[in-house]
Amino acid sequence: MSDKELKDIIKQSIREAIKEERLSLYEVLIPPVSKREMNEIIKNYGSPDKYNRDDFVDMTDWIKK
């Protein structure tokens, strides 16, 4: 195995580890919601499947980098 191949494998492994840790951090930072709170949110704002998709910007691509 060449030095370049080894470096590429290490880089990819580090990227995967950082991505996993980042996702774990996101899970920790999102607060839990009780059923009562969720029902109140749906009552006040409706169901997300009824929202107009044109009102939103997809910002998930930055997570994949």
C-alpha atoms as a PDB file:
ATOM      1  CA  MET A   1       0.000   0.000   0.000  1.00  0.00           C
ATOM      2  CA  SER A   2       1.347   3.392  -0.975  1.00  0.00           C
ATOM      3  CA  ASP A   3       1.626   6.386   1.313  1.00  0.00           C
ATOM      4  CA  LYS A   4      -1.095   8.181  -0.675  1.00  0.00           C
ATOM      5  CA  GLU A   5      -3.522   5.261  -0.309  1.00  0.00           C
ATOM      6  CA  LEU A   6      -2.871   5.119   3.426  1.00  0.00           C
ATOM      7  CA  LYS A   7      -3.385   8.883   3.768  1.00  0.00           C
ATOM      8  CA  ASP A   8      -6.652   8.660   1.800  1.00  0.00           C
ATOM      9  CA  ILE A   9      -7.904   5.843   4.046  1.00  0.00           C
ATOM     10  CA  ILE A  10      -6.994   7.806   7.177  1.00  0.00           C
ATOM     11  CA  LYS A  11      -8.661  10.979   5.839  1.00  0.00           C
ATOM     12  CA  GLN A  12     -11.844   9.085   5.014  1.00  0.00           C
ATOM     13  CA  SER A  13     -11.878   7.417   8.445  1.00  0.00           C
ATOM     14  CA  ILE A  14     -11.450  10.767  10.179  1.00  0.00           C
ATOM     15  CA  ARG A  15     -14.234  12.312   8.067  1.00  0.00           C
ATOM     16  CA  GLU A  16     -16.578   9.463   8.996  1.00  0.00           C
ATOM     17  CA  ALA A  17     -15.723   9.769  12.703  1.00  0.00           C
ATOM     18  CA  ILE A  18     -16.270  13.535  12.674  1.00  0.00           C
ATOM     19  CA  LYS A  19     -19.584  13.124  10.843  1.00  0.00           C
ATOM     20  CA  GLU A  20     -20.778  10.582  13.431  1.00  0.00           C
ATOM     21  CA  GLU A  21     -19.767  12.866  16.298  1.00  0.00           C
ATOM     22  CA  ARG A  22     -21.421  15.861  14.641  1.00  0.00           C
ATOM     23  CA  LEU A  23     -24.681  13.929  14.271  1.00  0.00           C
ATOM     24  CA  SER A  24     -24.456  12.861  17.925  1.00  0.00           C
ATOM     25  CA  LEU A  25     -24.014  16.507  18.892  1.00  0.00           C
ATOM     26  CA  TYR A  26     -27.091  17.496  16.890  1.00  0.00           C
ATOM     27  CA  GLU A  27     -29.129  14.834  18.698  1.00  0.00           C
ATOM     28  CA  VAL A  28     -27.977  16.147  22.074  1.00  0.00           C
ATOM     29  CA  LEU A  29     -28.761  19.766  21.176  1.00  0.00           C
ATOM     30  CA  ILE A  30     -32.317  19.101  19.972  1.00  0.00           C
ATOM     31  CA  PRO A  31     -34.592  19.211  23.013  1.00  0.00           C
ATOM     32  CA  PRO A  32     -37.119  16.402  23.579  1.00  0.00           C
ATOM     33  CA  VAL A  33     -40.825  17.160  23.086  1.00  0.00           C
ATOM     34  CA  SER A  34     -43.656  15.549  25.034  1.00  0.00           C
ATOM     35  CA  LYS A  35     -46.812  14.315  23.282  1.00  0.00           C
ATOM     36  CA  ARG A  36     -48.731  17.214  24.800  1.00  0.00           C
ATOM     37  CA  GLU A  37     -46.210  19.744  23.475  1.00  0.00           C
ATOM     38  CA  MET A  38     -46.212  18.099  20.043  1.00  0.00           C
ATOM     39  CA  ASN A  39     -50.013  18.193  19.887  1.00  0.00           C
ATOM     40  CA  GLU A  40     -49.945  21.873  20.836  1.00  0.00           C
ATOM     41  CA  ILE A  41     -47.372  22.596  18.106  1.00  0.00           C
ATOM     42  CA  ILE A  42     -49.483  20.783  15.504  1.00  0.00           C
ATOM     43  CA  LYS A  43     -52.601  22.618  16.718  1.00  0.00           C
ATOM     44  CA  ASN A  44     -50.868  26.023  16.409  1.00  0.00           C
ATOM     45  CA  TYR A  45     -48.893  25.478  13.224  1.00  0.00           C
ATOM     46  CA  GLY A  46     -50.523  22.561  11.438  1.00  0.00           C
ATOM     47  CA  SER A  47     -48.858  19.506  10.017  1.00  0.00           C
ATOM     48  CA  PRO A  48     -45.557  19.946   8.111  1.00  0.00           C
ATOM     49  CA  ASP A  49     -46.923  18.003   5.143  1.00  0.00           C
ATOM     50  CA  LYS A  50     -49.357  20.880   4.591  1.00  0.00           C
ATOM     51  CA  TYR A  51     -46.600  23.540   4.431  1.00  0.00           C
ATOM     52  CA  ASN A  52     -45.687  25.177   1.148  1.00  0.00           C
ATOM     53  CA  ARG A  53     -42.302  23.762   0.112  1.00  0.00           C
ATOM     54  CA  ASP A  54     -41.460  27.021  -1.690  1.00  0.00           C
ATOM     55  CA  ASP A  55     -41.292  28.758   1.713  1.00  0.00           C
ATOM     56  CA  PHE A  56     -38.273  26.663   2.744  1.00  0.00           C
ATOM     57  CA  VAL A  57     -34.605  26.465   1.829  1.00  0.00           C
ATOM     58  CA  ASP A  58     -32.913  23.064   2.033  1.00  0.00           C
ATOM     59  CA  MET A  59     -29.825  23.588   4.192  1.00  0.00           C
ATOM     60  CA  THR A  60     -28.895  19.953   4.783  1.00  0.00           C
ATOM     61  CA  ASP A  61     -26.099  19.851   2.191  1.00  0.00           C
ATOM     62  CA  TRP A  62     -23.659  21.582   4.533  1.00  0.00           C
ATOM     63  CA  ILE A  63     -23.950  18.589   6.903  1.00  0.00           C
ATOM     64  CA  LYS A  64     -22.734  16.192   4.224  1.00  0.00           C
ATOM     65  CA  LYS A  65     -19.459  18.044   3.646  1.00  0.00           C
END
